[in-house]
Structure formats: C-alpha cells, structure tokens
Amino acid sequence: MRHPLHLGLLGQAQVHSGRAEDARSTFRTMLAVVGQRRERVYLHPALPATPLLHELLGQGADHWLDPTGSPSP
C-alpha cells in the first residue's frame, strides 16, 4: 500500500466535497509521511493532489520542491 498516494487521493476527495479543513489535515499528514519515508515522488507536480496541496497549505508545502518544481532529493 502506498500511504502517501492514498492520502493524496483522500485529500482530493475532501476538497471536492467541500471539506477543505479536513483536506488540509490530510495533506499535512501526507507531507509528514512523505518526509518520514523519503518518498518525495508523491509530491511531483504532475500528480493531481500536488496543486491542491499547495493551494491549501501554501508556503508550508513549498520546501518539499526545488526551484524547478521537481521533488527535492
């Protein structure tokens, strides 16, 4: 099971159902899991959850990406 992927999908569903505060919490958890597991691939800009994550968390998520928009090593 890819926990960060599923958290991203859950966050997307929460946003689309009008539960933005729940989505923020889910995306914070996703960032923590990505950091813990060093699976930054789940923050790639091509994934649908990534723009939502940045929209809801703003600067809180920006340190995960390098200036090119790619996941940082």
Protein backbone atom coordinates (compact mmCIF):
# COMPACT_ATOMS: atom_id res chain seq x y z
CA MET A 1 0.00 0.00 0.00
CA ARG A 2 1.35 3.42 -0.93
CA HIS A 3 0.21 5.50 2.01
CA PRO A 4 1.17 8.93 0.56
CA LEU A 5 -0.68 8.18 -2.68
CA HIS A 6 -3.85 7.24 -0.82
CA LEU A 7 -3.60 10.29 1.41
CA GLY A 8 -3.36 12.45 -1.71
CA LEU A 9 -6.46 10.82 -3.15
CA LEU A 10 -8.32 11.27 0.14
CA GLY A 11 -7.30 14.94 0.27
CA GLN A 12 -8.57 15.44 -3.28
CA ALA A 13 -11.91 13.86 -2.41
CA GLN A 14 -12.20 16.05 0.69
CA VAL A 15 -11.55 19.21 -1.33
CA HIS A 16 -14.09 18.25 -3.98
CA SER A 17 -16.71 17.51 -1.33
CA GLY A 18 -16.23 20.92 0.30
CA ARG A 19 -14.25 19.71 3.32
CA ALA A 20 -11.20 21.97 2.92
CA GLU A 21 -10.18 21.88 6.59
CA ASP A 22 -10.17 18.07 6.58
CA ALA A 23 -8.14 18.17 3.37
CA ARG A 24 -5.56 20.47 4.99
CA SER A 25 -5.14 17.98 7.82
CA THR A 26 -4.86 15.09 5.37
CA PHE A 27 -2.27 16.92 3.27
CA ARG A 28 -0.23 17.76 6.39
CA THR A 29 -0.25 14.07 7.25
CA MET A 30 0.74 13.26 3.68
CA LEU A 31 3.73 15.63 3.91
CA ALA A 32 4.79 14.02 7.20
CA VAL A 33 4.60 10.53 5.69
CA VAL A 34 6.48 11.62 2.57
CA GLY A 35 9.22 13.11 4.75
CA GLN A 36 9.40 10.09 7.01
CA ARG A 37 9.58 7.60 4.15
CA ARG A 38 11.59 9.86 1.84
CA GLU A 39 9.09 9.22 -0.97
CA ARG A 40 9.04 12.70 -2.48
CA VAL A 41 7.90 11.25 -5.79
CA TYR A 42 4.35 11.58 -4.41
CA LEU A 43 4.75 15.38 -4.50
CA HIS A 44 5.50 15.55 -8.20
CA PRO A 45 3.64 18.46 -9.87
CA ALA A 46 2.04 16.11 -12.42
CA LEU A 47 0.04 14.34 -9.71
CA PRO A 48 -3.45 15.80 -9.21
CA ALA A 49 -3.13 16.17 -5.43
CA THR A 50 0.02 18.32 -5.58
CA PRO A 51 -1.60 21.56 -6.84
CA LEU A 52 -4.37 21.17 -4.25
CA LEU A 53 -1.81 20.57 -1.52
CA HIS A 54 -0.02 23.81 -2.46
CA GLU A 55 -3.29 25.70 -2.75
CA LEU A 56 -4.38 24.67 0.75
CA LEU A 57 -1.04 24.72 2.55
CA GLY A 58 0.73 27.46 0.59
CA GLN A 59 4.28 28.05 1.77
CA GLY A 60 4.04 25.10 4.15
CA ALA A 61 4.50 22.72 1.24
CA ASP A 62 6.97 24.72 -0.84
CA HIS A 63 10.10 23.48 0.92
CA TRP A 64 9.44 19.99 -0.46
CA LEU A 65 10.10 21.12 -4.04
CA ASP A 66 13.23 22.51 -5.64
CA PRO A 67 13.09 25.66 -7.84
CA THR A 68 12.41 23.60 -10.99
CA GLY A 69 9.21 22.24 -9.46
CA SER A 70 10.65 18.76 -9.10
CA PRO A 71 10.76 16.88 -5.83
CA SER A 72 13.93 17.76 -3.95
CA PRO A 73 16.38 14.92 -3.22
